[in-house]
Amino acid sequence: MAPRPVASRTFSYFTAPEIAFIDAAVSRLIPADELGPGAKEAGVTFFIDRQLAGSFGRAETWYMQGPWKEGTPEQGYQLKLTPAQLYRVGIQGIDDYCQRTFDKKTFAELGAGDQDKVLQGLEKGEIELAGAPAKEFFAILWQNTNEGFFADPIYGGNHDFAGWKLIGFPGPRYNYVNEIEQYGKPYTQPTVGLMGRNASTRRG
């Protein structure tokens, strides 16, 4: 089924505290710098929200029956939680950890240095969360952040082609015949997405 263009920036799954967490986390994973916008500015939080509110978040196409045993990394996702459930439990667990560790501050309220320490602890599995494994949560957050930054803007992220401009990808043009043998020459056509040159398909 073809994706539907984003009609508005109304969040469908995340609560306000969860939005604050994701905004802060993706800002550290892909920060804005002199090369251009980061993940937050590119709308990655909204992209993840849309994914979690849909079939991916509900794991509709995944085998989600027991028995539940610890798998190997090669076996991929093995949790009984759907991605949407993992985000909800994981974010709450991280904020609880931060409040215990950093004088009652949530992750979003921490400075950049402390946020990086928490993310590194999650990646290494050094932080224990109630109800969700830290490494698996970080892995899916990192995966979805990359997807939101580099996917076509029709899915809600990569606003104004931020990710594509960063890597020099001009988008899925239907015809490159005239450029095939233009070796060593810059490609000067404007970036396009599935909806054309207007990367922002959001209204409102």
N, C-alpha and C. Protein backbone atom coordinates (compact mmCIF):
# COMPACT_ATOMS: atom_id res chain seq x y z
N MET A 1 0.84 -1.18 0.00
CA MET A 1 0.00 0.00 0.00
C MET A 1 0.88 1.25 0.00
N ALA A 2 0.56 2.22 -0.85
CA ALA A 2 1.33 3.46 -0.91
C ALA A 2 1.13 4.25 0.37
N PRO A 3 2.21 4.89 0.87
CA PRO A 3 2.08 5.69 2.10
C PRO A 3 1.21 6.91 1.87
N ARG A 4 0.51 7.31 2.91
CA ARG A 4 -0.29 8.53 2.84
C ARG A 4 0.57 9.72 3.26
N PRO A 5 0.50 10.80 2.52
CA PRO A 5 1.25 11.99 2.93
C PRO A 5 0.82 12.48 4.30
N VAL A 6 1.76 13.09 5.01
CA VAL A 6 1.47 13.62 6.33
C VAL A 6 0.54 14.81 6.19
N ALA A 7 -0.58 14.78 6.89
CA ALA A 7 -1.55 15.86 6.79
C ALA A 7 -1.37 16.91 7.88
N SER A 8 -0.83 16.52 9.02
CA SER A 8 -0.63 17.47 10.12
C SER A 8 0.43 16.92 11.05
N ARG A 9 0.85 17.73 12.01
CA ARG A 9 1.84 17.28 12.98
C ARG A 9 1.19 16.90 14.29
N THR A 10 0.00 16.38 14.24
CA THR A 10 -0.67 15.93 15.44
C THR A 10 -0.12 14.56 15.85
N PHE A 11 0.39 14.47 17.06
CA PHE A 11 0.96 13.20 17.52
C PHE A 11 -0.15 12.23 17.85
N SER A 12 0.08 10.97 17.52
CA SER A 12 -0.95 9.94 17.68
C SER A 12 -0.66 8.97 18.82
N TYR A 13 0.59 8.83 19.21
CA TYR A 13 0.93 7.82 20.22
C TYR A 13 1.64 8.42 21.43
N PHE A 14 2.68 9.19 21.22
CA PHE A 14 3.47 9.70 22.33
C PHE A 14 2.69 10.67 23.21
N THR A 15 2.94 10.59 24.51
CA THR A 15 2.46 11.59 25.46
C THR A 15 3.45 12.76 25.46
N ALA A 16 3.09 13.86 26.11
CA ALA A 16 3.97 15.02 26.16
C ALA A 16 5.33 14.70 26.79
N PRO A 17 5.39 13.97 27.92
CA PRO A 17 6.70 13.62 28.47
C PRO A 17 7.51 12.71 27.53
N GLU A 18 6.83 11.83 26.80
CA GLU A 18 7.54 10.97 25.86
C GLU A 18 8.09 11.76 24.68
N ILE A 19 7.34 12.75 24.22
CA ILE A 19 7.84 13.62 23.15
C ILE A 19 9.09 14.35 23.61
N ALA A 20 9.06 14.85 24.85
CA ALA A 20 10.23 15.55 25.39
C ALA A 20 11.44 14.62 25.45
N PHE A 21 11.22 13.37 25.84
CA PHE A 21 12.33 12.41 25.89
C PHE A 21 12.89 12.15 24.51
N ILE A 22 12.02 11.84 23.54
CA ILE A 22 12.50 11.51 22.20
C ILE A 22 13.19 12.70 21.55
N ASP A 23 12.61 13.90 21.71
CA ASP A 23 13.27 15.10 21.19
C ASP A 23 14.70 15.21 21.72
N ALA A 24 14.85 15.01 23.03
CA ALA A 24 16.17 15.13 23.65
C ALA A 24 17.11 14.01 23.20
N ALA A 25 16.60 12.80 23.13
CA ALA A 25 17.44 11.65 22.77
C ALA A 25 17.93 11.74 21.33
N VAL A 26 17.02 12.00 20.40
CA VAL A 26 17.45 12.04 18.99
C VAL A 26 18.34 13.24 18.72
N SER A 27 18.22 14.29 19.55
CA SER A 27 19.10 15.44 19.40
C SER A 27 20.53 15.11 19.77
N ARG A 28 20.72 14.11 20.61
CA ARG A 28 22.07 13.66 20.95
C ARG A 28 22.55 12.59 19.97
N LEU A 29 21.65 11.78 19.44
CA LEU A 29 22.06 10.73 18.51
C LEU A 29 22.48 11.30 17.15
N ILE A 30 21.70 12.27 16.63
CA ILE A 30 22.07 12.97 15.40
C ILE A 30 21.87 14.46 15.68
N PRO A 31 22.89 15.11 16.22
CA PRO A 31 22.74 16.51 16.61
C PRO A 31 22.84 17.47 15.43
N ALA A 32 22.21 18.61 15.57
CA ALA A 32 22.40 19.68 14.60
C ALA A 32 23.82 20.24 14.75
N ASP A 33 24.44 20.59 13.63
CA ASP A 33 25.77 21.17 13.68
C ASP A 33 25.97 22.07 12.46
N GLU A 34 27.22 22.40 12.17
CA GLU A 34 27.49 23.32 11.07
C GLU A 34 27.14 22.72 9.71
N LEU A 35 26.93 21.41 9.66
CA LEU A 35 26.58 20.76 8.40
C LEU A 35 25.09 20.78 8.11
N GLY A 36 24.29 21.08 9.14
CA GLY A 36 22.86 21.14 8.90
C GLY A 36 22.04 20.72 10.10
N PRO A 37 20.72 20.59 9.91
CA PRO A 37 19.82 20.21 11.01
C PRO A 37 20.10 18.81 11.52
N GLY A 38 19.71 18.55 12.76
CA GLY A 38 19.82 17.23 13.34
C GLY A 38 18.50 16.50 13.27
N ALA A 39 18.43 15.39 14.00
CA ALA A 39 17.24 14.54 13.94
C ALA A 39 16.00 15.25 14.48
N LYS A 40 16.14 16.01 15.54
CA LYS A 40 14.97 16.70 16.08
C LYS A 40 14.41 17.68 15.06
N GLU A 41 15.29 18.48 14.46
CA GLU A 41 14.85 19.48 13.49
C GLU A 41 14.27 18.82 12.24
N ALA A 42 14.72 17.61 11.94
CA ALA A 42 14.23 16.90 10.76
C ALA A 42 12.90 16.19 11.01
N GLY A 43 12.34 16.32 12.22
CA GLY A 43 11.04 15.72 12.50
C GLY A 43 11.06 14.25 12.85
N VAL A 44 12.20 13.76 13.34
CA VAL A 44 12.31 12.33 13.63
C VAL A 44 11.36 11.90 14.74
N THR A 45 11.13 12.75 15.72
CA THR A 45 10.19 12.40 16.80
C THR A 45 8.81 12.12 16.23
N PHE A 46 8.36 12.95 15.32
CA PHE A 46 7.06 12.77 14.69
C PHE A 46 7.04 11.51 13.83
N PHE A 47 8.14 11.25 13.12
CA PHE A 47 8.25 10.02 12.33
C PHE A 47 8.07 8.79 13.21
N ILE A 48 8.78 8.74 14.34
CA ILE A 48 8.69 7.58 15.23
C ILE A 48 7.28 7.45 15.78
N ASP A 49 6.67 8.57 16.14
CA ASP A 49 5.30 8.55 16.64
C ASP A 49 4.36 7.91 15.62
N ARG A 50 4.48 8.28 14.37
CA ARG A 50 3.62 7.72 13.31
C ARG A 50 3.85 6.21 13.18
N GLN A 51 5.11 5.78 13.28
CA GLN A 51 5.40 4.36 13.15
C GLN A 51 4.81 3.57 14.32
N LEU A 52 4.92 4.12 15.52
CA LEU A 52 4.41 3.41 16.69
C LEU A 52 2.89 3.38 16.73
N ALA A 53 2.26 4.37 16.11
CA ALA A 53 0.80 4.40 16.07
C ALA A 53 0.23 3.49 15.00
N GLY A 54 1.09 2.93 14.15
CA GLY A 54 0.66 2.09 13.05
C GLY A 54 1.00 0.62 13.23
N SER A 55 1.07 -0.08 12.12
CA SER A 55 1.26 -1.53 12.16
C SER A 55 2.62 -1.93 12.74
N PHE A 56 3.65 -1.12 12.50
CA PHE A 56 4.96 -1.42 13.09
C PHE A 56 4.89 -1.39 14.60
N GLY A 57 4.27 -0.35 15.15
CA GLY A 57 4.17 -0.24 16.60
C GLY A 57 3.42 -1.39 17.23
N ARG A 58 2.43 -1.92 16.50
CA ARG A 58 1.64 -3.05 17.00
C ARG A 58 2.25 -4.40 16.63
N ALA A 59 3.35 -4.40 15.89
CA ALA A 59 4.02 -5.64 15.45
C ALA A 59 3.05 -6.55 14.71
N GLU A 60 2.22 -5.96 13.87
CA GLU A 60 1.16 -6.73 13.22
C GLU A 60 1.67 -7.83 12.30
N THR A 61 2.84 -7.64 11.70
CA THR A 61 3.36 -8.64 10.77
C THR A 61 4.43 -9.53 11.41
N TRP A 62 4.63 -9.41 12.72
CA TRP A 62 5.65 -10.20 13.41
C TRP A 62 5.02 -11.39 14.12
N TYR A 63 5.79 -12.44 14.29
CA TYR A 63 5.35 -13.56 15.13
C TYR A 63 5.57 -13.16 16.58
N MET A 64 4.49 -13.02 17.33
CA MET A 64 4.57 -12.50 18.70
C MET A 64 3.99 -13.49 19.70
N GLN A 65 4.10 -14.79 19.43
CA GLN A 65 3.63 -15.81 20.36
C GLN A 65 4.82 -16.43 21.09
N GLY A 66 4.56 -16.97 22.28
CA GLY A 66 5.61 -17.63 23.05
C GLY A 66 6.02 -18.96 22.43
N PRO A 67 6.94 -19.69 23.03
CA PRO A 67 7.57 -19.39 24.32
C PRO A 67 8.59 -18.27 24.21
N TRP A 68 8.75 -17.54 25.32
CA TRP A 68 9.66 -16.40 25.32
C TRP A 68 10.99 -16.82 25.93
N LYS A 69 11.97 -16.98 25.08
CA LYS A 69 13.30 -17.35 25.54
C LYS A 69 14.31 -16.33 25.04
N GLU A 70 15.41 -16.22 25.74
CA GLU A 70 16.45 -15.28 25.33
C GLU A 70 17.10 -15.77 24.04
N GLY A 71 17.08 -14.94 23.02
CA GLY A 71 17.65 -15.32 21.73
C GLY A 71 19.07 -14.81 21.56
N THR A 72 19.62 -15.08 20.40
CA THR A 72 20.95 -14.57 20.06
C THR A 72 20.79 -13.29 19.24
N PRO A 73 21.83 -12.48 19.17
CA PRO A 73 21.73 -11.25 18.37
C PRO A 73 21.35 -11.53 16.92
N GLU A 74 21.79 -12.67 16.39
CA GLU A 74 21.49 -13.01 15.00
C GLU A 74 20.01 -13.29 14.76
N GLN A 75 19.28 -13.59 15.81
CA GLN A 75 17.85 -13.90 15.68
C GLN A 75 16.96 -12.67 15.66
N GLY A 76 17.55 -11.50 15.92
CA GLY A 76 16.77 -10.28 15.85
C GLY A 76 15.88 -10.09 17.07
N TYR A 77 14.83 -9.32 16.89
CA TYR A 77 13.94 -8.93 17.97
C TYR A 77 13.26 -10.15 18.58
N GLN A 78 13.38 -10.31 19.90
CA GLN A 78 12.86 -11.49 20.58
C GLN A 78 11.94 -11.17 21.76
N LEU A 79 11.60 -9.91 21.95
CA LEU A 79 10.82 -9.53 23.13
C LEU A 79 9.34 -9.80 22.95
N LYS A 80 8.63 -9.98 24.07
CA LYS A 80 7.18 -10.12 24.02
C LYS A 80 6.48 -8.77 23.87
N LEU A 81 7.19 -7.69 24.13
CA LEU A 81 6.64 -6.35 23.98
C LEU A 81 6.61 -5.96 22.50
N THR A 82 5.54 -5.32 22.08
CA THR A 82 5.53 -4.73 20.74
C THR A 82 6.45 -3.50 20.76
N PRO A 83 6.87 -2.99 19.60
CA PRO A 83 7.70 -1.78 19.61
C PRO A 83 7.05 -0.62 20.36
N ALA A 84 5.75 -0.42 20.18
CA ALA A 84 5.07 0.67 20.89
C ALA A 84 5.15 0.46 22.40
N GLN A 85 4.93 -0.77 22.84
CA GLN A 85 5.02 -1.07 24.27
C GLN A 85 6.44 -0.89 24.79
N LEU A 86 7.42 -1.29 24.00
CA LEU A 86 8.82 -1.16 24.41
C LEU A 86 9.18 0.31 24.60
N TYR A 87 8.75 1.17 23.70
CA TYR A 87 9.01 2.60 23.86
C TYR A 87 8.36 3.13 25.14
N ARG A 88 7.11 2.77 25.36
CA ARG A 88 6.41 3.31 26.53
C ARG A 88 7.08 2.88 27.83
N VAL A 89 7.38 1.59 27.93
CA VAL A 89 8.01 1.08 29.15
C VAL A 89 9.44 1.59 29.27
N GLY A 90 10.15 1.61 28.14
CA GLY A 90 11.54 2.03 28.17
C GLY A 90 11.71 3.49 28.56
N ILE A 91 10.92 4.37 27.97
CA ILE A 91 11.03 5.79 28.30
C ILE A 91 10.72 6.03 29.77
N GLN A 92 9.67 5.39 30.29
CA GLN A 92 9.34 5.55 31.70
C GLN A 92 10.47 5.04 32.58
N GLY A 93 11.05 3.90 32.19
CA GLY A 93 12.15 3.34 32.96
C GLY A 93 13.38 4.24 32.97
N ILE A 94 13.67 4.87 31.83
CA ILE A 94 14.83 5.76 31.75
C ILE A 94 14.60 7.03 32.57
N ASP A 95 13.41 7.59 32.49
CA ASP A 95 13.13 8.77 33.30
C ASP A 95 13.17 8.45 34.79
N ASP A 96 12.69 7.27 35.17
CA ASP A 96 12.77 6.86 36.58
C ASP A 96 14.23 6.75 37.01
N TYR A 97 15.06 6.14 36.16
CA TYR A 97 16.49 6.00 36.45
C TYR A 97 17.14 7.38 36.60
N CYS A 98 16.83 8.28 35.67
CA CYS A 98 17.42 9.62 35.71
C CYS A 98 17.00 10.39 36.96
N GLN A 99 15.74 10.25 37.35
CA GLN A 99 15.28 10.95 38.55
C GLN A 99 15.95 10.43 39.81
N ARG A 100 16.25 9.12 39.83
CA ARG A 100 16.98 8.55 40.97
C ARG A 100 18.44 8.97 40.98
N THR A 101 19.00 9.16 39.80
CA THR A 101 20.44 9.35 39.67
C THR A 101 20.85 10.81 39.58
N PHE A 102 19.99 11.65 39.04
CA PHE A 102 20.35 13.04 38.76
C PHE A 102 19.42 14.03 39.46
N ASP A 103 19.23 13.84 40.75
CA ASP A 103 18.51 14.82 41.58
C ASP A 103 17.12 15.12 41.02
N LYS A 104 16.37 14.06 40.77
CA LYS A 104 14.96 14.14 40.36
C LYS A 104 14.73 14.80 39.00
N LYS A 105 15.72 14.76 38.14
CA LYS A 105 15.58 15.30 36.80
C LYS A 105 15.25 14.19 35.81
N THR A 106 14.35 14.47 34.89
CA THR A 106 14.08 13.52 33.81
C THR A 106 15.21 13.60 32.79
N PHE A 107 15.21 12.66 31.86
CA PHE A 107 16.25 12.67 30.82
C PHE A 107 16.27 13.98 30.06
N ALA A 108 15.09 14.48 29.69
CA ALA A 108 15.00 15.72 28.90
C ALA A 108 15.53 16.92 29.66
N GLU A 109 15.57 16.85 30.99
CA GLU A 109 16.02 17.98 31.81
C GLU A 109 17.52 17.96 32.07
N LEU A 110 18.20 16.89 31.66
CA LEU A 110 19.63 16.77 31.90
C LEU A 110 20.42 17.60 30.89
N GLY A 111 21.66 17.92 31.23
CA GLY A 111 22.57 18.54 30.28
C GLY A 111 23.02 17.54 29.24
N ALA A 112 23.59 18.03 28.15
CA ALA A 112 23.99 17.16 27.05
C ALA A 112 24.98 16.08 27.49
N GLY A 113 25.92 16.45 28.36
CA GLY A 113 26.92 15.48 28.80
C GLY A 113 26.30 14.32 29.55
N ASP A 114 25.38 14.62 30.46
CA ASP A 114 24.71 13.56 31.22
C ASP A 114 23.78 12.74 30.31
N GLN A 115 23.13 13.38 29.36
CA GLN A 115 22.30 12.64 28.41
C GLN A 115 23.15 11.65 27.62
N ASP A 116 24.33 12.07 27.22
CA ASP A 116 25.21 11.16 26.48
C ASP A 116 25.63 9.98 27.35
N LYS A 117 25.90 10.23 28.61
CA LYS A 117 26.28 9.14 29.52
C LYS A 117 25.14 8.14 29.66
N VAL A 118 23.91 8.63 29.76
CA VAL A 118 22.76 7.73 29.88
C VAL A 118 22.60 6.91 28.60
N LEU A 119 22.69 7.55 27.45
CA LEU A 119 22.54 6.83 26.19
C LEU A 119 23.64 5.79 26.02
N GLN A 120 24.84 6.12 26.41
CA GLN A 120 25.94 5.16 26.34
C GLN A 120 25.71 3.98 27.27
N GLY A 121 25.16 4.29 28.46
CA GLY A 121 24.84 3.21 29.40
C GLY A 121 23.76 2.29 28.87
N LEU A 122 22.77 2.86 28.18
CA LEU A 122 21.73 2.03 27.56
C LEU A 122 22.32 1.16 26.46
N GLU A 123 23.15 1.75 25.62
CA GLU A 123 23.74 1.02 24.50
C GLU A 123 24.56 -0.17 24.99
N LYS A 124 25.27 0.01 26.09
CA LYS A 124 26.12 -1.05 26.63
C LYS A 124 25.37 -2.00 27.55
N GLY A 125 24.12 -1.69 27.85
CA GLY A 125 23.36 -2.53 28.76
C GLY A 125 23.76 -2.37 30.20
N GLU A 126 24.38 -1.24 30.54
CA GLU A 126 24.86 -1.02 31.90
C GLU A 126 23.79 -0.43 32.81
N ILE A 127 22.68 0.03 32.23
CA ILE A 127 21.58 0.59 33.01
C ILE A 127 20.44 -0.41 33.04
N GLU A 128 19.95 -0.68 34.21
CA GLU A 128 18.85 -1.64 34.36
C GLU A 128 17.53 -0.89 34.41
N LEU A 129 16.63 -1.26 33.51
CA LEU A 129 15.31 -0.64 33.44
C LEU A 129 14.25 -1.62 33.92
N ALA A 130 13.22 -1.10 34.53
CA ALA A 130 12.11 -1.94 34.98
C ALA A 130 11.20 -2.25 33.79
N GLY A 131 11.10 -3.52 33.45
CA GLY A 131 10.16 -3.94 32.42
C GLY A 131 10.67 -3.98 31.01
N ALA A 132 11.90 -3.51 30.76
CA ALA A 132 12.43 -3.50 29.40
C ALA A 132 13.96 -3.59 29.43
N PRO A 133 14.57 -4.36 28.53
CA PRO A 133 16.03 -4.43 28.48
C PRO A 133 16.60 -3.19 27.81
N ALA A 134 17.61 -2.60 28.45
CA ALA A 134 18.15 -1.33 27.98
C ALA A 134 18.76 -1.43 26.58
N LYS A 135 19.52 -2.49 26.32
CA LYS A 135 20.20 -2.59 25.03
C LYS A 135 19.20 -2.69 23.89
N GLU A 136 18.13 -3.45 24.09
CA GLU A 136 17.12 -3.60 23.04
C GLU A 136 16.38 -2.29 22.81
N PHE A 137 16.13 -1.56 23.89
CA PHE A 137 15.47 -0.26 23.72
C PHE A 137 16.37 0.69 22.93
N PHE A 138 17.64 0.75 23.31
CA PHE A 138 18.55 1.66 22.59
C PHE A 138 18.65 1.25 21.12
N ALA A 139 18.72 -0.04 20.85
CA ALA A 139 18.87 -0.51 19.47
C ALA A 139 17.71 -0.08 18.60
N ILE A 140 16.48 -0.20 19.11
CA ILE A 140 15.33 0.17 18.29
C ILE A 140 15.22 1.69 18.18
N LEU A 141 15.61 2.42 19.23
CA LEU A 141 15.62 3.88 19.16
C LEU A 141 16.62 4.36 18.12
N TRP A 142 17.81 3.78 18.11
CA TRP A 142 18.84 4.16 17.14
C TRP A 142 18.41 3.80 15.72
N GLN A 143 17.83 2.62 15.55
CA GLN A 143 17.34 2.21 14.24
C GLN A 143 16.27 3.16 13.73
N ASN A 144 15.29 3.45 14.56
CA ASN A 144 14.18 4.31 14.14
C ASN A 144 14.63 5.75 13.91
N THR A 145 15.63 6.20 14.67
CA THR A 145 16.16 7.55 14.47
C THR A 145 16.80 7.66 13.09
N ASN A 146 17.59 6.66 12.72
CA ASN A 146 18.19 6.65 11.39
C ASN A 146 17.13 6.59 10.30
N GLU A 147 16.13 5.75 10.50
CA GLU A 147 15.06 5.64 9.51
C GLU A 147 14.33 6.97 9.33
N GLY A 148 14.03 7.63 10.44
CA GLY A 148 13.32 8.90 10.35
C GLY A 148 14.14 10.00 9.72
N PHE A 149 15.45 9.94 9.89
CA PHE A 149 16.33 10.98 9.34
C PHE A 149 16.56 10.80 7.85
N PHE A 150 16.52 9.55 7.37
CA PHE A 150 16.87 9.29 5.98
C PHE A 150 15.72 8.78 5.11
N ALA A 151 14.57 8.47 5.69
CA ALA A 151 13.43 8.01 4.89
C ALA A 151 12.84 9.17 4.10
N ASP A 152 12.05 8.85 3.10
CA ASP A 152 11.39 9.90 2.33
C ASP A 152 10.51 10.75 3.26
N PRO A 153 10.47 12.06 3.04
CA PRO A 153 9.66 12.93 3.91
C PRO A 153 8.18 12.57 3.97
N ILE A 154 7.70 11.79 3.03
CA ILE A 154 6.29 11.41 3.05
C ILE A 154 5.92 10.66 4.33
N TYR A 155 6.93 10.08 4.99
CA TYR A 155 6.68 9.32 6.22
C TYR A 155 6.74 10.19 7.47
N GLY A 156 7.01 11.48 7.33
CA GLY A 156 6.94 12.38 8.47
C GLY A 156 8.27 12.90 8.99
N GLY A 157 9.38 12.28 8.61
CA GLY A 157 10.70 12.75 9.03
C GLY A 157 11.45 13.37 7.86
N ASN A 158 12.78 13.48 8.00
CA ASN A 158 13.63 14.02 6.92
C ASN A 158 13.05 15.33 6.40
N HIS A 159 12.62 16.18 7.31
CA HIS A 159 11.97 17.44 6.94
C HIS A 159 12.92 18.30 6.12
N ASP A 160 12.41 18.83 5.02
CA ASP A 160 13.19 19.65 4.09
C ASP A 160 14.41 18.89 3.58
N PHE A 161 14.30 17.56 3.49
CA PHE A 161 15.36 16.70 2.97
C PHE A 161 16.66 16.83 3.77
N ALA A 162 16.56 17.07 5.07
CA ALA A 162 17.75 17.30 5.89
C ALA A 162 18.75 16.15 5.79
N GLY A 163 18.25 14.91 5.91
CA GLY A 163 19.14 13.76 5.86
C GLY A 163 19.75 13.56 4.49
N TRP A 164 18.94 13.71 3.45
CA TRP A 164 19.45 13.52 2.09
C TRP A 164 20.45 14.58 1.70
N LYS A 165 20.20 15.82 2.09
CA LYS A 165 21.14 16.89 1.77
C LYS A 165 22.47 16.65 2.46
N LEU A 166 22.43 16.09 3.67
CA LEU A 166 23.66 15.83 4.41
C LEU A 166 24.57 14.87 3.68
N ILE A 167 24.00 13.85 3.04
CA ILE A 167 24.80 12.83 2.36
C ILE A 167 24.86 13.04 0.85
N GLY A 168 24.21 14.09 0.35
CA GLY A 168 24.27 14.38 -1.08
C GLY A 168 23.38 13.52 -1.94
N PHE A 169 22.30 12.98 -1.38
CA PHE A 169 21.38 12.16 -2.17
C PHE A 169 20.30 13.07 -2.77
N PRO A 170 20.14 13.09 -4.10
CA PRO A 170 19.19 14.01 -4.72
C PRO A 170 17.75 13.53 -4.72
N GLY A 171 17.49 12.33 -4.20
CA GLY A 171 16.13 11.83 -4.17
C GLY A 171 15.80 10.90 -5.32
N PRO A 172 14.63 10.27 -5.28
CA PRO A 172 14.26 9.26 -6.29
C PRO A 172 13.68 9.88 -7.56
N ARG A 173 14.51 10.56 -8.33
CA ARG A 173 14.04 11.10 -9.61
C ARG A 173 13.73 9.97 -10.58
N TYR A 174 12.75 10.19 -11.41
CA TYR A 174 12.32 9.13 -12.33
C TYR A 174 13.27 8.95 -13.50
N ASN A 175 14.15 9.94 -13.78
CA ASN A 175 14.96 9.85 -14.98
C ASN A 175 16.31 10.54 -14.76
N TYR A 176 17.38 9.76 -14.88
CA TYR A 176 18.73 10.30 -14.79
C TYR A 176 19.50 10.09 -16.09
N VAL A 177 18.80 9.85 -17.19
CA VAL A 177 19.46 9.49 -18.45
C VAL A 177 20.47 10.54 -18.88
N ASN A 178 20.13 11.82 -18.75
CA ASN A 178 21.02 12.87 -19.22
C ASN A 178 22.26 13.02 -18.36
N GLU A 179 22.24 12.46 -17.16
CA GLU A 179 23.38 12.63 -16.25
C GLU A 179 24.28 11.40 -16.18
N ILE A 180 23.90 10.32 -16.85
CA ILE A 180 24.63 9.06 -16.69
C ILE A 180 26.10 9.19 -17.03
N GLU A 181 26.44 9.90 -18.10
CA GLU A 181 27.83 9.99 -18.53
C GLU A 181 28.47 11.33 -18.18
N GLN A 182 27.89 12.06 -17.26
CA GLN A 182 28.46 13.34 -16.83
C GLN A 182 29.42 13.11 -15.65
N TYR A 183 30.47 12.36 -15.92
CA TYR A 183 31.38 11.95 -14.86
C TYR A 183 32.10 13.15 -14.23
N GLY A 184 32.15 13.15 -12.91
CA GLY A 184 32.89 14.17 -12.18
C GLY A 184 32.21 15.52 -12.11
N LYS A 185 31.01 15.63 -12.67
CA LYS A 185 30.30 16.90 -12.64
C LYS A 185 29.25 16.88 -11.53
N PRO A 186 29.07 18.01 -10.86
CA PRO A 186 28.06 18.05 -9.80
C PRO A 186 26.66 17.92 -10.37
N TYR A 187 25.80 17.28 -9.59
CA TYR A 187 24.39 17.15 -9.98
C TYR A 187 23.66 18.36 -9.44
N THR A 188 23.11 19.16 -10.32
CA THR A 188 22.56 20.46 -9.91
C THR A 188 21.05 20.50 -9.79
N GLN A 189 20.36 19.42 -10.11
CA GLN A 189 18.90 19.42 -9.99
C GLN A 189 18.50 19.45 -8.51
N PRO A 190 17.40 20.12 -8.19
CA PRO A 190 16.97 20.17 -6.78
C PRO A 190 16.54 18.80 -6.27
N THR A 191 16.67 18.62 -4.97
CA THR A 191 16.28 17.36 -4.34
C THR A 191 14.76 17.17 -4.45
N VAL A 192 14.35 15.93 -4.71
CA VAL A 192 12.93 15.62 -4.79
C VAL A 192 12.64 14.37 -3.96
N GLY A 193 11.40 14.27 -3.50
CA GLY A 193 10.93 13.09 -2.80
C GLY A 193 9.79 12.47 -3.57
N LEU A 194 9.11 11.53 -2.95
CA LEU A 194 7.98 10.88 -3.61
C LEU A 194 6.85 11.86 -3.91
N MET A 195 6.79 12.96 -3.15
CA MET A 195 5.77 13.97 -3.39
C MET A 195 6.31 15.16 -4.17
N GLY A 196 7.51 15.02 -4.73
CA GLY A 196 8.08 16.10 -5.52
C GLY A 196 9.07 16.93 -4.74
N ARG A 197 9.19 18.20 -5.12
CA ARG A 197 10.19 19.08 -4.52
C ARG A 197 9.79 19.60 -3.15
N ASN A 198 8.51 19.60 -2.86
CA ASN A 198 8.04 20.11 -1.58
C ASN A 198 8.19 19.02 -0.52
N ALA A 199 9.31 19.05 0.20
CA ALA A 199 9.58 17.99 1.19
C ALA A 199 8.61 18.01 2.32
N SER A 200 8.09 19.19 2.66
CA SER A 200 7.18 19.28 3.80
C SER A 200 5.76 19.04 3.32
N THR A 201 5.28 17.82 3.51
CA THR A 201 3.91 17.49 3.13
C THR A 201 2.95 17.74 4.29
N ARG A 202 3.48 18.29 5.41
CA ARG A 202 2.66 18.57 6.56
C ARG A 202 1.92 19.88 6.37
N ARG A 203 0.72 19.95 6.82
CA ARG A 203 -0.07 21.18 6.80
C ARG A 203 -0.47 21.49 8.23
N GLY A 204 -0.38 22.73 8.62
CA GLY A 204 -0.77 23.10 9.98
C GLY A 204 0.40 23.09 10.93
